[in-house]
Amino acid sequence: METKIVKADEAKIFLEGVEVCREYFHTEKITFGTSELMPGQTGAVDLGHAASHEVFYVVKGTVLLRCGEKLYELHEGMAQLIPPGEPHQLTNISEEKCIVSWSLAPSEF
């Protein structure tokens, strides 16, 4: 596979509830994308990925991450590792648009 650059307007865009998702890369080894939520919005529950770890990194804003039965407040510059098969959901608790990057490895979509 060769080096590739993908711009935001070239990424695959989809919704998970009100959460606007962009998938930039999807290979057999990794998937990488971003999610955007406006203030007060909560995305759909992701049931988890049986064979993949997932990493969230908060690029902008503050989110409340529900991971299983636990809640985590993640601020800009923080990352969270989600174990395989763990249901999770994001809520924007800041007063600005929140952007979270995410990646799965190995890729499972």
C-alpha atoms as a PDB file:
ATOM      1  CA  MET A   1       0.000   0.000   0.000  1.00  0.00           C
ATOM      2  CA  GLU A   2       1.318   3.441  -0.890  1.00  0.00           C
ATOM      3  CA  THR A   3       1.235   6.614   1.216  1.00  0.00           C
ATOM      4  CA  LYS A   4      -2.090   8.399   0.825  1.00  0.00           C
ATOM      5  CA  ILE A   5      -3.518  11.757   1.917  1.00  0.00           C
ATOM      6  CA  VAL A   6      -7.262  12.122   2.464  1.00  0.00           C
ATOM      7  CA  LYS A   7      -8.938  15.509   2.971  1.00  0.00           C
ATOM      8  CA  ALA A   8     -12.078  15.905   5.101  1.00  0.00           C
ATOM      9  CA  ASP A   9     -14.281  16.373   2.029  1.00  0.00           C
ATOM     10  CA  GLU A  10     -12.900  13.120   0.555  1.00  0.00           C
ATOM     11  CA  ALA A  11     -13.564  10.960   3.637  1.00  0.00           C
ATOM     12  CA  LYS A  12     -16.518   8.573   3.777  1.00  0.00           C
ATOM     13  CA  ILE A  13     -19.181  10.406   5.804  1.00  0.00           C
ATOM     14  CA  PHE A  14     -21.929   8.726   7.810  1.00  0.00           C
ATOM     15  CA  LEU A  15     -24.157   9.332  10.840  1.00  0.00           C
ATOM     16  CA  GLU A  16     -24.360   7.421  14.105  1.00  0.00           C
ATOM     17  CA  GLY A  17     -27.486   9.066  15.480  1.00  0.00           C
ATOM     18  CA  VAL A  18     -26.637  12.797  15.423  1.00  0.00           C
ATOM     19  CA  GLU A  19     -22.886  12.064  15.499  1.00  0.00           C
ATOM     20  CA  VAL A  20     -21.259  13.039  12.196  1.00  0.00           C
ATOM     21  CA  CYS A  21     -18.534  10.504  11.417  1.00  0.00           C
ATOM     22  CA  ARG A  22     -15.822  10.619   8.781  1.00  0.00           C
ATOM     23  CA  GLU A  23     -13.810   7.528   7.912  1.00  0.00           C
ATOM     24  CA  TYR A  24     -10.468   8.514   6.429  1.00  0.00           C
ATOM     25  CA  PHE A  25      -8.753   5.138   6.223  1.00  0.00           C
ATOM     26  CA  HIS A  26      -9.917   1.549   6.281  1.00  0.00           C
ATOM     27  CA  THR A  27      -7.467  -1.289   5.723  1.00  0.00           C
ATOM     28  CA  GLU A  28      -7.373  -4.852   7.007  1.00  0.00           C
ATOM     29  CA  LYS A  29      -5.115  -3.676   9.852  1.00  0.00           C
ATOM     30  CA  ILE A  30      -6.595  -0.323  10.950  1.00  0.00           C
ATOM     31  CA  THR A  31      -9.564   2.006  10.588  1.00  0.00           C
ATOM     32  CA  PHE A  32      -9.201   5.727  11.348  1.00  0.00           C
ATOM     33  CA  GLY A  33     -11.804   8.475  11.453  1.00  0.00           C
ATOM     34  CA  THR A  34     -13.354  11.357  13.362  1.00  0.00           C
ATOM     35  CA  SER A  35     -16.668  12.123  15.035  1.00  0.00           C
ATOM     36  CA  GLU A  36     -18.264  15.528  15.542  1.00  0.00           C
ATOM     37  CA  LEU A  37     -20.949  16.421  18.049  1.00  0.00           C
ATOM     38  CA  MET A  38     -22.512  19.806  18.650  1.00  0.00           C
ATOM     39  CA  PRO A  39     -22.971  21.057  22.256  1.00  0.00           C
ATOM     40  CA  GLY A  40     -25.328  18.828  24.233  1.00  0.00           C
ATOM     41  CA  GLN A  41     -25.568  16.141  21.556  1.00  0.00           C
ATOM     42  CA  THR A  42     -25.205  12.431  22.312  1.00  0.00           C
ATOM     43  CA  GLY A  43     -24.156   9.961  19.646  1.00  0.00           C
ATOM     44  CA  ALA A  44     -25.602   6.504  19.149  1.00  0.00           C
ATOM     45  CA  VAL A  45     -24.441   3.581  21.295  1.00  0.00           C
ATOM     46  CA  ASP A  46     -21.631   1.686  19.589  1.00  0.00           C
ATOM     47  CA  LEU A  47     -21.939  -1.939  20.676  1.00  0.00           C
ATOM     48  CA  GLY A  48     -18.183  -2.381  20.571  1.00  0.00           C
ATOM     49  CA  HIS A  49     -15.865  -4.324  18.330  1.00  0.00           C
ATOM     50  CA  ALA A  50     -15.337  -7.960  19.297  1.00  0.00           C
ATOM     51  CA  ALA A  51     -11.811  -8.329  17.897  1.00  0.00           C
ATOM     52  CA  SER A  52     -10.566  -4.732  18.000  1.00  0.00           C
ATOM     53  CA  HIS A  53      -9.218  -2.245  20.488  1.00  0.00           C
ATOM     54  CA  GLU A  54     -10.506   1.277  19.836  1.00  0.00           C
ATOM     55  CA  VAL A  55      -8.775   4.525  20.761  1.00  0.00           C
ATOM     56  CA  PHE A  56     -10.556   7.865  21.167  1.00  0.00           C
ATOM     57  CA  TYR A  57      -8.525  11.086  21.160  1.00  0.00           C
ATOM     58  CA  VAL A  58     -10.277  14.405  21.893  1.00  0.00           C
ATOM     59  CA  VAL A  59      -9.109  16.934  19.315  1.00  0.00           C
ATOM     60  CA  LYS A  60     -11.483  19.715  20.391  1.00  0.00           C
ATOM     61  CA  GLY A  61     -13.963  20.217  23.234  1.00  0.00           C
ATOM     62  CA  THR A  62     -14.930  17.988  26.147  1.00  0.00           C
ATOM     63  CA  VAL A  63     -16.871  14.740  25.960  1.00  0.00           C
ATOM     64  CA  LEU A  64     -18.461  12.381  28.406  1.00  0.00           C
ATOM     65  CA  LEU A  65     -17.646   8.823  27.358  1.00  0.00           C
ATOM     66  CA  ARG A  66     -19.914   6.076  28.620  1.00  0.00           C
ATOM     67  CA  CYS A  67     -17.928   2.860  28.397  1.00  0.00           C
ATOM     68  CA  GLY A  68     -19.921  -0.083  29.682  1.00  0.00           C
ATOM     69  CA  GLU A  69     -21.329   1.130  33.009  1.00  0.00           C
ATOM     70  CA  LYS A  70     -18.557   3.684  33.673  1.00  0.00           C
ATOM     71  CA  LEU A  71     -18.416   7.383  32.730  1.00  0.00           C
ATOM     72  CA  TYR A  72     -15.219   9.220  31.781  1.00  0.00           C
ATOM     73  CA  GLU A  73     -14.822  12.959  31.220  1.00  0.00           C
ATOM     74  CA  LEU A  74     -12.303  13.501  28.440  1.00  0.00           C
ATOM     75  CA  HIS A  75     -10.861  16.923  27.684  1.00  0.00           C
ATOM     76  CA  GLU A  76      -8.959  18.183  24.661  1.00  0.00           C
ATOM     77  CA  GLY A  77      -5.658  16.334  24.360  1.00  0.00           C
ATOM     78  CA  MET A  78      -6.818  13.248  26.288  1.00  0.00           C
ATOM     79  CA  ALA A  79      -7.073   9.713  24.907  1.00  0.00           C
ATOM     80  CA  GLN A  80      -8.983   6.619  26.031  1.00  0.00           C
ATOM     81  CA  LEU A  81      -8.422   2.967  25.101  1.00  0.00           C
ATOM     82  CA  ILE A  82     -11.620   0.929  24.807  1.00  0.00           C
ATOM     83  CA  PRO A  83     -11.258  -2.844  25.167  1.00  0.00           C
ATOM     84  CA  PRO A  84     -12.694  -5.253  22.587  1.00  0.00           C
ATOM     85  CA  GLY A  85     -16.460  -5.751  22.790  1.00  0.00           C
ATOM     86  CA  GLU A  86     -17.117  -2.833  25.185  1.00  0.00           C
ATOM     87  CA  PRO A  87     -20.268  -0.801  24.333  1.00  0.00           C
ATOM     88  CA  HIS A  88     -19.604   2.954  24.338  1.00  0.00           C
ATOM     89  CA  GLN A  89     -21.248   6.313  23.647  1.00  0.00           C
ATOM     90  CA  LEU A  90     -20.102   9.943  23.413  1.00  0.00           C
ATOM     91  CA  THR A  91     -21.860  13.088  24.688  1.00  0.00           C
ATOM     92  CA  ASN A  92     -20.525  16.593  24.014  1.00  0.00           C
ATOM     93  CA  ILE A  93     -20.570  18.390  27.380  1.00  0.00           C
ATOM     94  CA  SER A  94     -18.717  21.499  26.183  1.00  0.00           C
ATOM     95  CA  GLU A  95     -20.147  24.692  24.724  1.00  0.00           C
ATOM     96  CA  GLU A  96     -18.415  24.235  21.373  1.00  0.00           C
ATOM     97  CA  LYS A  97     -18.378  21.633  18.633  1.00  0.00           C
ATOM     98  CA  CYS A  98     -16.468  18.580  19.814  1.00  0.00           C
ATOM     99  CA  ILE A  99     -14.162  16.589  17.539  1.00  0.00           C
ATOM    100  CA  VAL A 100     -12.929  13.133  18.535  1.00  0.00           C
ATOM    101  CA  SER A 101     -10.590  11.047  16.409  1.00  0.00           C
ATOM    102  CA  TRP A 102     -10.902   7.285  16.655  1.00  0.00           C
ATOM    103  CA  SER A 103      -9.087   4.252  15.382  1.00  0.00           C
ATOM    104  CA  LEU A 104      -9.653   0.503  15.511  1.00  0.00           C
ATOM    105  CA  ALA A 105      -6.970  -2.132  15.275  1.00  0.00           C
ATOM    106  CA  PRO A 106      -7.210  -4.607  13.833  1.00  0.00           C
ATOM    107  CA  SER A 107      -9.862  -3.190  11.539  1.00  0.00           C
ATOM    108  CA  GLU A 108     -13.304  -4.704  12.008  1.00  0.00           C
ATOM    109  CA  PHE A 109     -15.849  -2.672  10.038  1.00  0.00           C
END
